[in-house]
N, C-alpha and C. Protein backbone atom coordinates (compact mmCIF):
# COMPACT_ATOMS: atom_id res chain seq x y z
N UNK A 1 0.85 -1.17 0.00
CA UNK A 1 0.00 0.00 0.00
C UNK A 1 0.90 1.23 0.00
N UNK A 2 0.71 2.12 -0.94
CA UNK A 2 1.55 3.32 -1.02
C UNK A 2 0.88 4.48 -0.30
N UNK A 3 1.72 5.38 0.20
CA UNK A 3 1.22 6.54 0.92
C UNK A 3 0.97 7.69 -0.05
N UNK A 4 -0.02 8.51 0.27
CA UNK A 4 -0.31 9.73 -0.47
C UNK A 4 0.57 10.84 0.09
N UNK A 5 0.63 11.98 -0.60
CA UNK A 5 1.39 13.13 -0.12
C UNK A 5 0.80 13.62 1.20
N UNK A 6 1.67 14.17 2.06
CA UNK A 6 1.21 14.74 3.32
C UNK A 6 0.22 15.86 3.05
N UNK A 7 -0.86 15.89 3.79
CA UNK A 7 -1.90 16.88 3.61
C UNK A 7 -2.73 16.92 4.89
N UNK A 8 -3.44 18.00 5.11
CA UNK A 8 -4.35 18.10 6.24
C UNK A 8 -5.77 18.10 5.70
N UNK A 9 -6.71 17.49 6.44
CA UNK A 9 -8.09 17.45 5.95
C UNK A 9 -8.78 18.80 6.02
N UNK A 10 -9.59 19.07 5.02
CA UNK A 10 -10.41 20.29 4.99
C UNK A 10 -11.85 19.94 5.32
N UNK A 11 -12.33 18.84 4.73
CA UNK A 11 -13.68 18.37 5.02
C UNK A 11 -13.79 16.89 4.69
N UNK A 12 -14.79 16.25 5.29
CA UNK A 12 -15.07 14.85 5.03
C UNK A 12 -16.57 14.66 4.83
N UNK A 13 -16.92 13.79 3.91
CA UNK A 13 -18.30 13.40 3.68
C UNK A 13 -18.40 11.90 3.91
N UNK A 14 -19.31 11.48 4.78
CA UNK A 14 -19.48 10.06 5.09
C UNK A 14 -20.73 9.51 4.42
N UNK A 15 -20.61 8.28 3.92
CA UNK A 15 -21.72 7.54 3.34
C UNK A 15 -21.77 6.16 3.99
N UNK A 16 -22.96 5.61 4.12
CA UNK A 16 -23.10 4.23 4.55
C UNK A 16 -22.99 3.36 3.31
N UNK A 17 -22.02 2.46 3.32
CA UNK A 17 -21.80 1.58 2.18
C UNK A 17 -21.99 0.14 2.59
N UNK A 18 -21.87 -0.74 1.66
CA UNK A 18 -21.96 -2.16 1.92
C UNK A 18 -20.79 -2.58 2.81
N UNK A 19 -21.06 -2.98 4.01
CA UNK A 19 -20.01 -3.44 4.91
C UNK A 19 -19.42 -2.35 5.79
N UNK A 20 -19.91 -1.12 5.73
CA UNK A 20 -19.39 -0.08 6.61
C UNK A 20 -19.50 1.31 6.01
N UNK A 21 -18.87 2.25 6.70
CA UNK A 21 -18.92 3.64 6.26
C UNK A 21 -17.79 3.94 5.29
N UNK A 22 -18.11 4.78 4.30
CA UNK A 22 -17.15 5.21 3.28
C UNK A 22 -16.96 6.72 3.46
N UNK A 23 -15.70 7.16 3.48
CA UNK A 23 -15.41 8.57 3.63
C UNK A 23 -14.75 9.13 2.39
N UNK A 24 -15.13 10.34 2.03
CA UNK A 24 -14.48 11.09 0.97
C UNK A 24 -13.90 12.33 1.63
N UNK A 25 -12.58 12.42 1.63
CA UNK A 25 -11.87 13.48 2.34
C UNK A 25 -11.23 14.44 1.35
N UNK A 26 -11.50 15.72 1.55
CA UNK A 26 -10.89 16.78 0.76
C UNK A 26 -9.79 17.40 1.60
N UNK A 27 -8.61 17.54 1.03
CA UNK A 27 -7.49 18.12 1.75
C UNK A 27 -7.42 19.63 1.58
N UNK A 28 -6.58 20.25 2.39
CA UNK A 28 -6.36 21.69 2.31
C UNK A 28 -5.67 22.05 1.00
N UNK A 29 -4.75 21.20 0.55
CA UNK A 29 -4.05 21.40 -0.72
C UNK A 29 -4.21 20.15 -1.57
N UNK A 30 -3.83 20.25 -2.83
CA UNK A 30 -3.82 19.07 -3.69
C UNK A 30 -4.85 19.14 -4.80
N UNK A 31 -4.70 18.24 -5.75
CA UNK A 31 -5.55 18.20 -6.93
C UNK A 31 -6.62 17.13 -6.85
N UNK A 32 -6.60 16.32 -5.78
CA UNK A 32 -7.55 15.22 -5.64
C UNK A 32 -8.14 15.21 -4.23
N UNK A 33 -9.28 14.56 -4.10
CA UNK A 33 -9.82 14.18 -2.81
C UNK A 33 -9.48 12.69 -2.67
N UNK A 34 -9.75 12.11 -1.53
CA UNK A 34 -9.43 10.70 -1.31
C UNK A 34 -10.65 9.98 -0.76
N UNK A 35 -10.81 8.73 -1.17
CA UNK A 35 -11.95 7.92 -0.75
C UNK A 35 -11.42 6.65 -0.10
N UNK A 36 -12.09 6.23 0.97
CA UNK A 36 -11.68 5.01 1.65
C UNK A 36 -12.71 4.58 2.68
N UNK A 37 -12.51 3.40 3.21
CA UNK A 37 -13.42 2.82 4.21
C UNK A 37 -13.00 3.24 5.61
N UNK A 38 -14.00 3.34 6.48
CA UNK A 38 -13.75 3.63 7.89
C UNK A 38 -13.37 2.33 8.58
N UNK A 39 -12.10 2.16 8.87
CA UNK A 39 -11.60 0.91 9.45
C UNK A 39 -11.27 1.03 10.93
N UNK A 40 -11.05 2.25 11.41
CA UNK A 40 -10.57 2.47 12.77
C UNK A 40 -11.70 2.61 13.79
N UNK A 41 -12.91 2.89 13.35
CA UNK A 41 -14.07 3.14 14.21
C UNK A 41 -13.89 4.37 15.10
N UNK A 42 -13.05 5.29 14.65
CA UNK A 42 -12.87 6.60 15.29
C UNK A 42 -12.76 7.58 14.13
N UNK A 43 -13.66 8.56 14.08
CA UNK A 43 -13.77 9.41 12.89
C UNK A 43 -12.45 10.10 12.54
N UNK A 44 -11.77 10.69 13.51
CA UNK A 44 -10.53 11.41 13.20
C UNK A 44 -9.43 10.45 12.74
N UNK A 45 -9.35 9.28 13.33
CA UNK A 45 -8.36 8.28 12.89
C UNK A 45 -8.69 7.78 11.48
N UNK A 46 -9.99 7.60 11.20
CA UNK A 46 -10.40 7.17 9.87
C UNK A 46 -10.04 8.21 8.82
N UNK A 47 -10.28 9.49 9.14
CA UNK A 47 -9.95 10.56 8.20
C UNK A 47 -8.45 10.59 7.93
N UNK A 48 -7.65 10.47 8.97
CA UNK A 48 -6.19 10.46 8.81
C UNK A 48 -5.74 9.28 7.94
N UNK A 49 -6.33 8.11 8.18
CA UNK A 49 -5.98 6.91 7.40
C UNK A 49 -6.37 7.08 5.93
N UNK A 50 -7.55 7.65 5.67
CA UNK A 50 -7.99 7.87 4.28
C UNK A 50 -7.07 8.88 3.60
N UNK A 51 -6.66 9.93 4.32
CA UNK A 51 -5.74 10.92 3.74
C UNK A 51 -4.40 10.29 3.38
N UNK A 52 -3.95 9.32 4.17
CA UNK A 52 -2.66 8.69 3.92
C UNK A 52 -2.72 7.61 2.85
N UNK A 53 -3.79 6.79 2.86
CA UNK A 53 -3.80 5.60 2.01
C UNK A 53 -5.01 5.48 1.09
N UNK A 54 -5.93 6.45 1.10
CA UNK A 54 -7.14 6.35 0.29
C UNK A 54 -6.87 6.47 -1.20
N UNK A 55 -7.81 5.98 -1.97
CA UNK A 55 -7.73 6.09 -3.42
C UNK A 55 -8.07 7.50 -3.85
N UNK A 56 -7.45 7.96 -4.93
CA UNK A 56 -7.73 9.30 -5.44
C UNK A 56 -9.17 9.37 -5.94
N UNK A 57 -9.78 10.51 -5.66
CA UNK A 57 -11.17 10.76 -6.03
C UNK A 57 -11.21 12.14 -6.69
N UNK A 58 -12.01 12.36 -7.71
CA UNK A 58 -12.02 13.67 -8.39
C UNK A 58 -12.39 14.80 -7.42
N UNK A 59 -11.52 15.79 -7.32
CA UNK A 59 -11.73 16.91 -6.41
C UNK A 59 -13.01 17.67 -6.74
N UNK A 60 -13.27 17.89 -8.03
CA UNK A 60 -14.46 18.63 -8.44
C UNK A 60 -15.73 17.95 -7.94
N UNK A 61 -15.77 16.63 -7.99
CA UNK A 61 -16.94 15.88 -7.52
C UNK A 61 -17.05 15.95 -6.00
N UNK A 62 -15.93 15.85 -5.30
CA UNK A 62 -15.95 15.89 -3.84
C UNK A 62 -16.44 17.24 -3.33
N UNK A 63 -16.10 18.31 -4.02
CA UNK A 63 -16.53 19.64 -3.58
C UNK A 63 -18.03 19.87 -3.77
N UNK A 64 -18.69 19.06 -4.58
CA UNK A 64 -20.14 19.15 -4.76
C UNK A 64 -20.92 18.46 -3.65
N UNK A 65 -20.25 17.59 -2.89
CA UNK A 65 -20.91 16.83 -1.83
C UNK A 65 -21.08 17.68 -0.58
N UNK A 66 -22.17 17.45 0.12
CA UNK A 66 -22.40 18.15 1.39
C UNK A 66 -21.47 17.56 2.44
N UNK A 67 -20.62 18.38 3.06
CA UNK A 67 -19.68 17.85 4.06
C UNK A 67 -20.38 17.41 5.33
N UNK A 68 -19.91 16.30 5.88
CA UNK A 68 -20.39 15.83 7.18
C UNK A 68 -19.66 16.56 8.30
N UNK A 69 -18.42 16.95 8.03
CA UNK A 69 -17.60 17.66 9.02
C UNK A 69 -16.58 18.51 8.29
N UNK A 70 -16.37 19.73 8.79
CA UNK A 70 -15.34 20.62 8.27
C UNK A 70 -14.24 20.74 9.32
N UNK A 71 -13.01 20.86 8.87
CA UNK A 71 -11.86 21.03 9.76
C UNK A 71 -11.33 22.44 9.62
N UNK A 72 -10.83 23.00 10.71
CA UNK A 72 -10.22 24.34 10.63
C UNK A 72 -8.86 24.21 9.99
N UNK A 73 -8.38 25.28 9.38
CA UNK A 73 -7.11 25.27 8.67
C UNK A 73 -5.97 25.82 9.53
N UNK A 74 -6.02 25.58 10.82
CA UNK A 74 -4.98 26.08 11.74
C UNK A 74 -3.65 25.54 11.38
C-alpha cells in the first residue's frame, strides 16, 4: 500500500456503504480528494488513514458533496 502526499483534511463526507462507512476526504491542498473505508471506528483516525492511504477521487466531484464535518485550517 503506497502513501499519499502529506496533507491536512479540509472536510469529510461520510456515506453508509456495503459493509461499513465510506469517507471522501478533501485536503487543504492538492488536486484530488481521497476515498476510503472507515476501518478504525474513530472518525478522526479514519480521516487520517484515508488521507494517507485512500484512493484518489475527483476533487471537483468531492466539492459538490455536502460535508459531514469541516476542519479548521490552523
